[in-house]
Amino acid sequence: MGAIKIFDAFNFHQIWKNTNKQREDRYRTNIVTFDVSQRLGAMATGGAEGRLVMIDPYALGIVNGVIAHINKEIIAVYIFDEQQQVITIAEDRTICLWSRYKLERI
C-alpha cells in the first residue's frame, strides 16, 4: 500500500506524510477518496470504514476526524472553499454536508 506524501511547491521538500509519528491511531483509515483545497490549504479524505478526516499539511497532521457514515464506505469527498463546507457521499447513496472546521453535520 502506498503512502500519501505532500511536498512544498517552491522547494519540493516533503512537509507531510501519512506515516507521521504525530498521527494518532484513532485516525488511521483506509483512504478511498480525497479532495484537496489549495485555497484553504487543506485535504479531506474518505475511508472504507466511513471516516471523514481533515488534514492540514502545514500543521503536520490531522486537524479533525469523524465517523461520517457508520459501516458505509465513503466513495466521494468534495471541499467547497467559499462555503467552508465538505460533502461526503457513501456507498448507500447517502449525502452529508459538513462544516469544514468543526466537522459537524449541517
N, C-alpha and C. Protein backbone atom coordinates (compact mmCIF):
# COMPACT_ATOMS: atom_id res chain seq x y z
N MET A 1 0.85 -1.18 0.00
CA MET A 1 0.00 0.00 0.00
C MET A 1 0.88 1.24 0.00
N GLY A 2 0.60 2.19 -0.87
CA GLY A 2 1.40 3.40 -1.00
C GLY A 2 1.11 4.40 0.09
N ALA A 3 2.07 5.26 0.32
CA ALA A 3 1.93 6.31 1.32
C ALA A 3 1.54 7.61 0.63
N ILE A 4 0.82 8.44 1.35
CA ILE A 4 0.49 9.78 0.86
C ILE A 4 1.57 10.72 1.37
N LYS A 5 2.15 11.47 0.45
CA LYS A 5 3.17 12.44 0.80
C LYS A 5 2.80 13.79 0.19
N ILE A 6 3.05 14.87 0.92
CA ILE A 6 2.78 16.22 0.43
C ILE A 6 4.08 17.00 0.44
N PHE A 7 4.36 17.67 -0.70
CA PHE A 7 5.59 18.40 -0.85
C PHE A 7 5.32 19.89 -1.00
N ASP A 8 6.24 20.70 -0.51
CA ASP A 8 6.18 22.14 -0.69
C ASP A 8 6.38 22.44 -2.17
N ALA A 9 5.55 23.29 -2.76
CA ALA A 9 5.59 23.57 -4.18
C ALA A 9 6.79 24.43 -4.59
N PHE A 10 7.41 25.14 -3.66
CA PHE A 10 8.51 26.03 -4.01
C PHE A 10 9.87 25.34 -4.00
N ASN A 11 10.14 24.57 -2.93
CA ASN A 11 11.45 23.94 -2.84
C ASN A 11 11.39 22.41 -2.88
N PHE A 12 10.19 21.87 -3.02
CA PHE A 12 9.96 20.43 -3.17
C PHE A 12 10.44 19.60 -1.98
N HIS A 13 10.45 20.18 -0.80
CA HIS A 13 10.74 19.42 0.41
C HIS A 13 9.45 18.77 0.89
N GLN A 14 9.57 17.59 1.40
CA GLN A 14 8.40 16.89 1.93
C GLN A 14 7.97 17.57 3.22
N ILE A 15 6.67 17.92 3.32
CA ILE A 15 6.19 18.59 4.53
C ILE A 15 5.21 17.72 5.33
N TRP A 16 4.74 16.61 4.75
CA TRP A 16 3.81 15.74 5.48
C TRP A 16 3.75 14.39 4.79
N LYS A 17 3.54 13.33 5.57
CA LYS A 17 3.27 12.01 5.02
C LYS A 17 2.38 11.26 5.99
N ASN A 18 1.70 10.23 5.50
CA ASN A 18 0.70 9.57 6.34
C ASN A 18 1.31 8.64 7.38
N THR A 19 2.61 8.49 7.41
CA THR A 19 3.24 7.69 8.45
C THR A 19 3.84 8.57 9.55
N ASN A 20 3.40 9.82 9.62
CA ASN A 20 3.88 10.77 10.61
C ASN A 20 3.63 10.22 12.02
N LYS A 21 4.64 10.28 12.89
CA LYS A 21 4.55 9.75 14.25
C LYS A 21 3.53 10.50 15.10
N GLN A 22 3.19 11.75 14.72
CA GLN A 22 2.22 12.53 15.48
C GLN A 22 0.79 12.04 15.24
N ARG A 23 0.61 11.25 14.23
CA ARG A 23 -0.74 10.79 13.87
C ARG A 23 -1.22 9.77 14.89
N GLU A 24 -2.41 9.97 15.41
CA GLU A 24 -2.97 9.09 16.42
C GLU A 24 -3.62 7.87 15.77
N ASP A 25 -3.62 6.74 16.48
CA ASP A 25 -4.20 5.50 15.97
C ASP A 25 -5.67 5.65 15.63
N ARG A 26 -6.39 6.46 16.37
CA ARG A 26 -7.83 6.58 16.13
C ARG A 26 -8.13 7.23 14.78
N TYR A 27 -7.14 7.86 14.15
CA TYR A 27 -7.35 8.48 12.85
C TYR A 27 -6.83 7.64 11.69
N ARG A 28 -6.34 6.44 11.94
CA ARG A 28 -5.89 5.58 10.85
C ARG A 28 -7.10 5.19 10.00
N THR A 29 -6.89 5.16 8.71
CA THR A 29 -8.00 4.91 7.80
C THR A 29 -7.51 4.24 6.53
N ASN A 30 -8.39 3.54 5.86
CA ASN A 30 -8.13 3.03 4.53
C ASN A 30 -8.73 4.04 3.57
N ILE A 31 -7.92 4.91 3.02
CA ILE A 31 -8.40 6.01 2.19
C ILE A 31 -8.92 5.48 0.87
N VAL A 32 -10.15 5.88 0.55
CA VAL A 32 -10.79 5.51 -0.71
C VAL A 32 -10.82 6.70 -1.65
N THR A 33 -11.08 7.88 -1.10
CA THR A 33 -11.21 9.09 -1.91
C THR A 33 -10.67 10.29 -1.14
N PHE A 34 -10.30 11.33 -1.87
CA PHE A 34 -9.84 12.54 -1.21
C PHE A 34 -10.06 13.74 -2.13
N ASP A 35 -10.02 14.92 -1.51
CA ASP A 35 -10.10 16.17 -2.25
C ASP A 35 -9.13 17.14 -1.58
N VAL A 36 -8.53 18.00 -2.38
CA VAL A 36 -7.56 18.97 -1.89
C VAL A 36 -8.04 20.37 -2.23
N SER A 37 -7.97 21.26 -1.26
CA SER A 37 -8.30 22.67 -1.48
C SER A 37 -7.02 23.47 -1.36
N GLN A 38 -6.53 23.97 -2.49
CA GLN A 38 -5.33 24.81 -2.44
C GLN A 38 -5.63 26.13 -1.77
N ARG A 39 -6.83 26.63 -1.98
CA ARG A 39 -7.21 27.93 -1.41
C ARG A 39 -7.23 27.88 0.12
N LEU A 40 -7.77 26.79 0.68
CA LEU A 40 -7.85 26.65 2.13
C LEU A 40 -6.62 25.97 2.72
N GLY A 41 -5.81 25.36 1.89
CA GLY A 41 -4.63 24.65 2.38
C GLY A 41 -5.01 23.44 3.19
N ALA A 42 -5.97 22.66 2.70
CA ALA A 42 -6.45 21.50 3.46
C ALA A 42 -6.74 20.34 2.52
N MET A 43 -6.79 19.15 3.10
CA MET A 43 -7.14 17.95 2.38
C MET A 43 -8.21 17.21 3.19
N ALA A 44 -9.20 16.66 2.48
CA ALA A 44 -10.23 15.84 3.11
C ALA A 44 -10.12 14.44 2.52
N THR A 45 -10.18 13.42 3.39
CA THR A 45 -10.14 12.04 2.92
C THR A 45 -11.38 11.31 3.39
N GLY A 46 -11.81 10.35 2.60
CA GLY A 46 -12.93 9.48 2.96
C GLY A 46 -12.44 8.04 2.97
N GLY A 47 -12.80 7.31 4.01
CA GLY A 47 -12.28 5.97 4.19
C GLY A 47 -13.27 4.85 3.96
N ALA A 48 -12.73 3.64 3.86
CA ALA A 48 -13.53 2.45 3.64
C ALA A 48 -14.46 2.17 4.82
N GLU A 49 -14.07 2.61 6.01
CA GLU A 49 -14.90 2.37 7.20
C GLU A 49 -15.85 3.52 7.49
N GLY A 50 -15.93 4.50 6.58
CA GLY A 50 -16.88 5.60 6.73
C GLY A 50 -16.35 6.81 7.46
N ARG A 51 -15.05 6.91 7.65
CA ARG A 51 -14.47 8.03 8.38
C ARG A 51 -14.09 9.16 7.43
N LEU A 52 -14.48 10.39 7.81
CA LEU A 52 -14.07 11.61 7.13
C LEU A 52 -12.96 12.23 7.96
N VAL A 53 -11.84 12.55 7.32
CA VAL A 53 -10.69 13.13 8.02
C VAL A 53 -10.24 14.39 7.28
N MET A 54 -10.03 15.47 8.04
CA MET A 54 -9.48 16.70 7.50
C MET A 54 -8.01 16.77 7.89
N ILE A 55 -7.15 17.08 6.92
CA ILE A 55 -5.71 17.14 7.15
C ILE A 55 -5.22 18.53 6.79
N ASP A 56 -4.41 19.10 7.67
CA ASP A 56 -3.73 20.36 7.38
C ASP A 56 -2.25 20.03 7.27
N PRO A 57 -1.72 19.96 6.06
CA PRO A 57 -0.32 19.55 5.90
C PRO A 57 0.67 20.50 6.55
N TYR A 58 0.29 21.76 6.73
CA TYR A 58 1.20 22.72 7.34
C TYR A 58 1.23 22.59 8.86
N ALA A 59 0.20 21.98 9.44
CA ALA A 59 0.19 21.71 10.88
C ALA A 59 0.80 20.34 11.16
N LEU A 60 1.27 19.66 10.12
CA LEU A 60 1.91 18.34 10.21
C LEU A 60 1.01 17.29 10.82
N GLY A 61 -0.26 17.30 10.45
CA GLY A 61 -1.10 16.24 10.96
C GLY A 61 -2.57 16.43 10.73
N ILE A 62 -3.32 15.61 11.45
CA ILE A 62 -4.76 15.57 11.36
C ILE A 62 -5.35 16.77 12.10
N VAL A 63 -6.28 17.45 11.45
CA VAL A 63 -7.00 18.54 12.11
C VAL A 63 -8.18 17.97 12.87
N ASN A 64 -8.94 17.11 12.20
CA ASN A 64 -10.14 16.56 12.80
C ASN A 64 -10.56 15.32 12.02
N GLY A 65 -11.25 14.43 12.69
CA GLY A 65 -11.78 13.24 12.05
C GLY A 65 -13.10 12.86 12.70
N VAL A 66 -14.00 12.27 11.91
CA VAL A 66 -15.31 11.90 12.42
C VAL A 66 -15.83 10.71 11.61
N ILE A 67 -16.61 9.86 12.26
CA ILE A 67 -17.30 8.80 11.52
C ILE A 67 -18.47 9.46 10.80
N ALA A 68 -18.36 9.57 9.49
CA ALA A 68 -19.38 10.26 8.69
C ALA A 68 -20.53 9.33 8.32
N HIS A 69 -20.20 8.11 8.00
CA HIS A 69 -21.21 7.13 7.57
C HIS A 69 -20.88 5.81 8.27
N ILE A 70 -21.71 5.40 9.21
CA ILE A 70 -21.45 4.21 10.00
C ILE A 70 -21.50 2.97 9.12
N ASN A 71 -20.37 2.23 9.10
CA ASN A 71 -20.23 0.97 8.35
C ASN A 71 -20.51 1.11 6.86
N LYS A 72 -20.35 2.30 6.31
CA LYS A 72 -20.54 2.52 4.87
C LYS A 72 -19.30 3.21 4.32
N GLU A 73 -18.80 2.69 3.21
CA GLU A 73 -17.63 3.26 2.57
C GLU A 73 -17.97 4.62 1.95
N ILE A 74 -17.09 5.59 2.16
CA ILE A 74 -17.25 6.89 1.53
C ILE A 74 -16.65 6.80 0.13
N ILE A 75 -17.46 7.07 -0.88
CA ILE A 75 -16.99 6.93 -2.26
C ILE A 75 -16.60 8.26 -2.89
N ALA A 76 -16.98 9.39 -2.28
CA ALA A 76 -16.62 10.70 -2.82
C ALA A 76 -16.58 11.74 -1.70
N VAL A 77 -15.62 12.65 -1.80
CA VAL A 77 -15.47 13.77 -0.88
C VAL A 77 -15.21 15.02 -1.72
N TYR A 78 -15.90 16.10 -1.39
CA TYR A 78 -15.72 17.37 -2.09
C TYR A 78 -15.59 18.50 -1.07
N ILE A 79 -14.58 19.35 -1.24
CA ILE A 79 -14.41 20.53 -0.40
C ILE A 79 -14.91 21.74 -1.17
N PHE A 80 -15.80 22.53 -0.54
CA PHE A 80 -16.28 23.77 -1.14
C PHE A 80 -15.63 24.94 -0.40
N ASP A 81 -14.66 25.57 -1.07
CA ASP A 81 -13.84 26.61 -0.45
C ASP A 81 -14.65 27.77 0.10
N GLU A 82 -15.47 28.36 -0.73
CA GLU A 82 -16.17 29.58 -0.35
C GLU A 82 -17.14 29.37 0.80
N GLN A 83 -17.78 28.22 0.87
CA GLN A 83 -18.75 27.95 1.93
C GLN A 83 -18.11 27.31 3.15
N GLN A 84 -16.82 26.95 3.06
CA GLN A 84 -16.13 26.29 4.17
C GLN A 84 -16.86 25.00 4.57
N GLN A 85 -17.26 24.22 3.57
CA GLN A 85 -18.03 23.01 3.81
C GLN A 85 -17.44 21.83 3.04
N VAL A 86 -17.77 20.63 3.51
CA VAL A 86 -17.33 19.38 2.88
C VAL A 86 -18.56 18.52 2.64
N ILE A 87 -18.63 17.89 1.48
CA ILE A 87 -19.72 16.96 1.17
C ILE A 87 -19.13 15.56 1.08
N THR A 88 -19.81 14.60 1.72
CA THR A 88 -19.42 13.20 1.60
C THR A 88 -20.57 12.42 0.97
N ILE A 89 -20.21 11.44 0.16
CA ILE A 89 -21.20 10.55 -0.45
C ILE A 89 -20.78 9.12 -0.11
N ALA A 90 -21.70 8.36 0.48
CA ALA A 90 -21.42 6.98 0.89
C ALA A 90 -21.90 6.00 -0.18
N GLU A 91 -21.46 4.75 -0.03
CA GLU A 91 -21.82 3.72 -0.99
C GLU A 91 -23.33 3.45 -1.03
N ASP A 92 -24.05 3.79 0.03
CA ASP A 92 -25.50 3.59 0.06
C ASP A 92 -26.25 4.82 -0.48
N ARG A 93 -25.50 5.74 -1.13
CA ARG A 93 -26.02 6.97 -1.76
C ARG A 93 -26.47 8.03 -0.76
N THR A 94 -26.02 7.92 0.47
CA THR A 94 -26.30 8.94 1.48
C THR A 94 -25.33 10.10 1.27
N ILE A 95 -25.86 11.31 1.25
CA ILE A 95 -25.05 12.51 1.07
C ILE A 95 -25.14 13.33 2.35
N CYS A 96 -23.97 13.74 2.86
CA CYS A 96 -23.93 14.55 4.07
C CYS A 96 -23.12 15.82 3.80
N LEU A 97 -23.55 16.91 4.42
CA LEU A 97 -22.88 18.20 4.33
C LEU A 97 -22.28 18.50 5.70
N TRP A 98 -20.99 18.88 5.72
CA TRP A 98 -20.25 19.06 6.97
C TRP A 98 -19.63 20.45 7.03
N SER A 99 -19.56 21.00 8.23
CA SER A 99 -18.78 22.21 8.48
C SER A 99 -17.30 21.82 8.40
N ARG A 100 -16.50 22.57 7.66
CA ARG A 100 -15.10 22.20 7.46
C ARG A 100 -14.29 22.23 8.76
N TYR A 101 -14.52 23.20 9.62
CA TYR A 101 -13.71 23.34 10.82
C TYR A 101 -14.14 22.42 11.96
N LYS A 102 -15.42 22.34 12.22
CA LYS A 102 -15.90 21.55 13.35
C LYS A 102 -16.22 20.11 12.96
N LEU A 103 -16.33 19.83 11.66
CA LEU A 103 -16.77 18.53 11.14
C LEU A 103 -18.06 18.10 11.82
N GLU A 104 -18.99 19.04 11.89
CA GLU A 104 -20.34 18.75 12.37
C GLU A 104 -21.28 18.74 11.19
N ARG A 105 -22.21 17.81 11.20
CA ARG A 105 -23.17 17.71 10.10
C ARG A 105 -24.08 18.93 10.09
N ILE A 106 -24.29 19.48 8.91
CA ILE A 106 -25.15 20.66 8.75
C ILE A 106 -26.51 20.22 8.30
